[in-house]
Structure formats: structure tokens, C-alpha cells
N, C-alpha and C. Protein backbone atom coordinates (compact mmCIF):
# COMPACT_ATOMS: atom_id res chain seq x y z
N MET A 1 86.71 124.22 93.27
CA MET A 1 87.08 123.14 93.88
C MET A 1 86.21 122.69 94.90
N SER A 2 85.25 123.02 95.42
CA SER A 2 84.40 122.87 96.39
C SER A 2 84.24 121.13 96.32
N TRP A 3 83.91 120.63 95.33
CA TRP A 3 83.43 119.22 95.48
C TRP A 3 85.22 118.20 96.01
N PHE A 4 86.31 118.97 95.63
CA PHE A 4 87.33 118.29 95.92
C PHE A 4 87.66 118.22 97.82
N SER A 5 86.97 119.47 97.91
CA SER A 5 86.95 119.85 99.27
C SER A 5 85.87 118.75 100.19
N ALA A 6 85.06 119.24 99.82
CA ALA A 6 83.85 118.05 100.30
C ALA A 6 83.87 116.43 100.10
N ILE A 7 85.19 116.24 99.22
CA ILE A 7 85.57 114.70 99.45
C ILE A 7 86.69 114.20 100.32
N MET A 8 87.47 115.54 100.36
CA MET A 8 88.56 115.40 101.10
C MET A 8 87.89 115.18 102.51
N ALA A 9 86.96 116.21 103.07
CA ALA A 9 86.52 116.38 104.51
C ALA A 9 85.72 114.78 104.66
N THR A 10 84.87 114.34 103.92
CA THR A 10 84.18 112.98 103.84
C THR A 10 85.57 111.94 104.07
N TRP A 11 86.27 111.74 103.57
CA TRP A 11 87.51 110.95 103.15
C TRP A 11 88.02 111.14 104.77
N ILE A 12 88.50 111.94 105.34
CA ILE A 12 89.16 112.11 106.61
C ILE A 12 87.85 112.20 107.71
N VAL A 13 86.80 112.19 107.66
CA VAL A 13 85.99 111.94 109.00
C VAL A 13 85.97 110.62 108.51
N VAL A 14 85.89 109.62 107.58
CA VAL A 14 85.46 108.14 107.55
C VAL A 14 86.93 107.41 107.67
N GLU A 15 87.71 107.79 107.31
CA GLU A 15 89.04 107.04 107.54
C GLU A 15 89.70 106.82 108.67
N LEU A 16 89.54 107.61 109.66
CA LEU A 16 89.86 106.93 110.91
C LEU A 16 89.12 106.04 111.77
N PRO A 17 87.70 106.39 111.80
CA PRO A 17 87.04 104.87 112.48
C PRO A 17 87.06 103.94 111.46
N ARG A 18 87.34 104.13 110.27
CA ARG A 18 86.93 102.68 109.09
C ARG A 18 88.73 101.90 109.66
N LEU A 19 89.66 102.67 110.32
CA LEU A 19 90.85 102.28 110.34
C LEU A 19 90.88 101.36 112.01
N ALA A 20 90.20 102.29 112.75
CA ALA A 20 89.96 101.75 114.12
C ALA A 20 88.76 100.52 113.79
N LEU A 21 88.11 100.52 113.37
CA LEU A 21 87.53 99.09 113.25
C LEU A 21 88.28 98.07 112.67
N GLY A 22 88.97 98.22 111.71
CA GLY A 22 89.71 97.33 111.09
C GLY A 22 91.05 96.78 112.00
N TYR A 23 91.45 97.51 112.92
CA TYR A 23 92.54 97.34 113.85
C TYR A 23 91.95 96.52 114.94
N TRP A 24 90.67 97.23 115.55
CA TRP A 24 90.16 96.19 116.55
C TRP A 24 89.49 95.05 116.15
N GLY A 25 88.95 95.23 115.16
CA GLY A 25 88.53 93.94 114.71
C GLY A 25 89.48 92.59 114.56
N ASN A 26 90.30 93.02 113.87
CA ASN A 26 92.04 92.04 113.63
C ASN A 26 92.16 91.91 114.94
N ARG A 27 92.74 92.92 115.92
CA ARG A 27 93.20 92.57 117.00
C ARG A 27 92.55 91.62 118.06
N TYR A 28 91.23 92.04 118.01
CA TYR A 28 90.30 91.38 119.50
C TYR A 28 89.63 90.22 118.76
N GLN A 29 89.56 90.07 117.47
CA GLN A 29 88.64 89.06 116.51
C GLN A 29 87.14 89.38 116.67
N HIS A 30 86.69 90.44 116.70
CA HIS A 30 85.32 90.96 116.79
C HIS A 30 84.82 91.03 115.52
N VAL A 31 84.18 90.35 115.41
CA VAL A 31 83.01 90.08 113.97
C VAL A 31 82.70 91.55 113.73
N SER A 32 81.66 91.99 114.55
CA SER A 32 81.23 93.13 114.37
C SER A 32 81.68 94.65 113.86
N SER A 33 83.23 94.40 114.65
CA SER A 33 84.07 95.56 113.99
C SER A 33 84.37 95.30 112.47
N LEU A 34 84.96 94.14 112.11
CA LEU A 34 85.37 93.91 110.97
C LEU A 34 83.96 94.14 110.15
N LEU A 35 82.92 93.97 110.27
CA LEU A 35 81.85 94.11 109.32
C LEU A 35 81.61 95.29 109.29
N GLY A 36 81.87 96.30 110.15
CA GLY A 36 81.65 97.88 110.18
C GLY A 36 82.71 98.21 108.98
N PHE A 37 84.25 97.50 109.09
CA PHE A 37 85.21 98.30 108.42
C PHE A 37 84.83 97.40 106.79
N ILE A 38 84.46 96.31 106.83
CA ILE A 38 83.87 96.48 105.24
C ILE A 38 82.66 97.34 104.54
N VAL A 39 81.63 97.43 105.58
CA VAL A 39 80.58 98.51 104.94
C VAL A 39 81.33 99.93 104.72
N PHE A 40 82.55 100.48 105.69
CA PHE A 40 83.04 101.66 105.45
C PHE A 40 83.97 101.59 104.13
N THR A 41 84.56 100.18 104.13
CA THR A 41 85.77 100.21 102.77
C THR A 41 84.78 100.26 101.46
N GLY A 42 83.88 99.40 101.39
CA GLY A 42 83.20 98.92 100.15
C GLY A 42 82.20 99.88 99.64
N THR A 43 81.56 101.09 100.71
CA THR A 43 80.68 101.74 100.62
C THR A 43 81.32 103.43 100.31
N VAL A 44 81.93 103.86 101.44
CA VAL A 44 82.21 105.01 101.45
C VAL A 44 83.86 105.43 100.83
N HIS A 45 85.06 104.38 101.32
CA HIS A 45 86.20 104.38 100.75
C HIS A 45 86.20 104.26 99.57
N LEU A 46 85.70 103.37 98.74
CA LEU A 46 86.27 102.94 97.57
C LEU A 46 85.28 103.74 96.71
N GLY A 47 84.11 104.30 97.15
CA GLY A 47 83.24 105.42 96.74
C GLY A 47 83.91 106.63 96.59
N ILE A 48 84.50 106.90 97.42
CA ILE A 48 85.25 108.24 97.39
C ILE A 48 86.64 108.38 96.33
N MET A 49 87.09 107.14 95.89
CA MET A 49 88.20 107.00 95.45
C MET A 49 87.33 106.85 93.92
N VAL A 50 86.44 106.36 93.63
CA VAL A 50 86.02 106.32 92.42
C VAL A 50 85.44 107.54 91.76
N VAL A 51 84.96 108.36 92.72
CA VAL A 51 84.50 109.61 92.61
C VAL A 51 85.60 110.91 92.13
N TYR A 52 86.29 110.59 93.01
CA TYR A 52 87.93 111.33 92.82
C TYR A 52 88.42 110.97 91.51
N ASN A 53 88.30 109.76 91.01
CA ASN A 53 88.79 109.42 89.56
C ASN A 53 87.86 109.91 88.27
N ILE A 54 86.81 109.63 88.90
CA ILE A 54 85.84 110.49 87.59
C ILE A 54 85.93 111.94 87.58
N LEU A 55 86.08 113.08 88.88
CA LEU A 55 85.80 114.20 88.79
C LEU A 55 86.94 114.93 88.69
N ALA A 56 88.12 114.07 89.01
CA ALA A 56 89.19 115.05 88.68
C ALA A 56 89.68 115.73 87.57
N PRO A 57 89.89 116.93 87.73
CA PRO A 57 90.09 117.59 86.32
C PRO A 57 91.27 117.45 85.64
N ARG A 58 92.31 117.87 86.04
CA ARG A 58 93.68 117.44 85.31
C ARG A 58 94.69 116.75 85.75
N LYS A 59 94.28 115.05 86.07
CA LYS A 59 95.15 113.99 86.67
C LYS A 59 96.21 114.04 85.82
N ASN A 60 97.46 113.94 86.81
CA ASN A 60 98.66 113.65 86.06
C ASN A 60 99.02 112.61 86.16
N SER A 61 99.75 111.49 85.83
CA SER A 61 100.33 110.48 85.71
C SER A 61 100.60 109.91 87.05
N LEU A 62 101.14 110.71 88.02
CA LEU A 62 101.02 110.32 89.70
C LEU A 62 99.79 110.26 90.43
N ASP A 63 99.06 111.21 89.99
CA ASP A 63 97.44 111.03 90.83
C ASP A 63 96.89 109.90 90.27
N PHE A 64 96.64 109.66 89.22
CA PHE A 64 96.13 108.32 88.37
C PHE A 64 96.60 106.90 89.39
N ALA A 65 97.81 107.32 89.13
CA ALA A 65 98.90 105.92 89.88
C ALA A 65 98.27 105.88 91.36
N ILE A 66 98.18 107.02 91.90
CA ILE A 66 98.04 106.59 93.47
C ILE A 66 96.51 106.08 93.48
N SER A 67 95.75 106.66 92.91
CA SER A 67 94.33 106.42 93.12
C SER A 67 94.09 105.23 92.47
N VAL A 68 94.44 104.44 91.54
CA VAL A 68 94.53 103.49 91.16
C VAL A 68 94.78 102.22 92.27
N ALA A 69 96.20 102.49 92.87
CA ALA A 69 96.49 102.14 93.82
C ALA A 69 96.00 101.61 95.09
N GLU A 70 95.08 102.94 95.00
CA GLU A 70 94.43 102.83 96.45
C GLU A 70 93.19 102.21 96.18
N LEU A 71 92.63 102.11 94.77
CA LEU A 71 91.39 101.24 94.67
C LEU A 71 91.93 99.70 94.62
N CYS A 72 93.00 99.22 94.40
CA CYS A 72 93.49 97.85 94.30
C CYS A 72 93.53 97.81 95.75
N LEU A 73 94.35 98.24 96.67
CA LEU A 73 94.48 98.18 98.01
C LEU A 73 93.05 97.78 98.80
N GLY A 74 92.22 98.86 98.62
CA GLY A 74 90.83 98.87 99.28
C GLY A 74 90.11 97.16 98.57
N GLY A 75 90.20 96.96 97.44
CA GLY A 75 89.87 95.81 96.99
C GLY A 75 90.08 94.55 97.89
N ALA A 76 91.86 94.64 97.72
CA ALA A 76 92.46 93.70 98.43
C ALA A 76 92.00 93.77 100.20
N GLU A 77 91.64 94.58 100.45
CA GLU A 77 91.33 94.57 102.01
C GLU A 77 90.10 94.20 101.98
N ILE A 78 89.16 94.08 101.50
CA ILE A 78 88.03 93.48 101.26
C ILE A 78 87.83 92.14 101.45
N ILE A 79 88.78 91.53 100.53
CA ILE A 79 88.95 90.28 100.49
C ILE A 79 89.82 89.56 101.49
N LEU A 80 90.98 90.29 102.18
CA LEU A 80 91.63 89.49 103.15
C LEU A 80 90.58 89.80 104.36
N VAL A 81 89.64 90.79 104.47
CA VAL A 81 88.68 90.74 105.63
C VAL A 81 88.00 89.68 105.62
N PHE A 82 87.28 89.38 104.53
CA PHE A 82 86.36 88.13 104.11
C PHE A 82 87.06 86.95 104.62
N ARG A 83 88.21 86.58 104.28
CA ARG A 83 89.03 85.84 104.91
C ARG A 83 89.38 85.55 106.25
N ALA A 84 89.56 86.68 106.86
CA ALA A 84 89.86 86.47 108.20
C ALA A 84 88.44 86.44 109.22
N LEU A 85 87.32 87.14 108.31
CA LEU A 85 86.00 86.65 109.20
C LEU A 85 85.75 85.09 108.85
N ARG A 86 85.80 84.69 108.12
CA ARG A 86 85.45 82.89 107.87
C ARG A 86 86.42 82.38 108.98
N SER A 87 87.24 82.36 109.06
CA SER A 87 88.28 82.10 110.03
C SER A 87 87.95 82.32 111.31
N ILE A 88 87.57 83.52 111.78
CA ILE A 88 87.40 83.85 113.03
C ILE A 88 85.90 83.34 113.48
N VAL A 89 84.76 83.20 112.66
CA VAL A 89 83.50 82.61 112.65
C VAL A 89 83.78 81.35 113.05
N ASN A 90 84.55 80.60 112.12
CA ASN A 90 84.88 79.06 112.24
C ASN A 90 85.35 78.73 113.59
N ALA A 91 86.56 79.70 114.22
CA ALA A 91 87.03 79.53 115.30
C ALA A 91 86.11 79.38 116.44
N ASN A 92 85.21 80.49 116.37
CA ASN A 92 84.40 80.94 117.48
C ASN A 92 83.44 79.95 117.62
N THR A 93 82.98 78.89 116.75
CA THR A 93 81.90 78.00 116.75
C THR A 93 82.60 77.25 117.17
N VAL A 94 83.99 76.68 116.81
CA VAL A 94 84.68 75.64 117.55
C VAL A 94 84.77 75.61 118.87
N ASP A 95 84.90 76.97 119.65
CA ASP A 95 85.18 77.29 120.81
C ASP A 95 83.73 77.28 121.43
N PHE A 96 82.86 77.67 120.88
CA PHE A 96 82.04 77.52 121.52
C PHE A 96 81.21 75.94 122.13
N TYR A 97 81.23 75.26 120.75
CA TYR A 97 80.94 74.10 120.95
C TYR A 97 82.06 73.09 121.96
N LEU A 98 83.13 73.71 122.14
CA LEU A 98 84.46 72.94 123.32
C LEU A 98 83.92 73.43 124.65
N HIS A 99 83.06 74.86 124.99
CA HIS A 99 83.25 75.23 125.63
C HIS A 99 81.98 74.53 126.67
N ALA A 100 80.46 74.09 125.45
CA ALA A 100 79.37 73.82 125.96
C ALA A 100 79.67 72.50 126.71
N GLY A 101 80.64 71.73 126.24
CA GLY A 101 81.03 70.67 126.74
C GLY A 101 79.70 69.65 126.55
N GLY A 102 79.39 69.17 127.49
CA GLY A 102 78.48 67.96 127.10
C GLY A 102 76.89 68.29 127.41
N PHE A 103 76.92 69.61 127.40
CA PHE A 103 75.63 69.85 127.08
C PHE A 103 74.73 70.02 126.21
N PHE A 104 75.45 69.83 124.91
CA PHE A 104 74.74 69.20 123.57
C PHE A 104 74.92 67.65 122.88
N GLN A 105 75.54 67.32 123.93
CA GLN A 105 75.45 65.61 123.74
C GLN A 105 74.14 64.76 124.02
N SER A 106 73.97 63.77 123.54
CA SER A 106 72.62 63.02 123.93
C SER A 106 72.98 62.67 125.10
């Protein structure tokens, strides 16, 4: 079961920074934190769940249901973060032009 230990160790190491990036990105509207959250979720987190689904030897129905639910929630996280990023970038653009004031007017 060494592959399982490696998957769990990687998951534990990646999950805390992934959640912290998502939290700080949402709370303070940091685009770079949300992009880091997307990278961690799309590559490492979902990758770990796919590898677990492929390599787990004797999965029972509970293991399968939990891992499929985790994959669905990871996909939903990515979709919702893209929507949040779009609204944050639009708001930041509007704020930039409002604060710049007459500098950009002819």
C-alpha cells in the first residue's frame, strides 16, 4: 500500500495551501490567489482523486461514492472560481478607471 501512502501524503501537503489560497482569494479578492487555487485544484487535487479511483484495489460503494462526489465538487469549485475571477477582474477594471478620473479623458 505504498502508493496509497504517497497519495495521502501528497493530498495532505497540497490540500492546506489549496484551501488557504481559495480562502484568501475569495475574502480579499486577490486574483493571484484564486489562480493558484485553480492550478492546485485542476492539477494536483483532481489528479490525486483520479489516480485514487484508478488504483484503489477493492473499492466498496462508499469509497466510490465519496471519490465521485469529491471529483464533482472539485469541478464545481473550478467553475465557480472562474465566475468569481471574472467578476473580480471586471470590478477591478471599473475601480481603476474610476480612481484614475480625468487622467484618461481627452
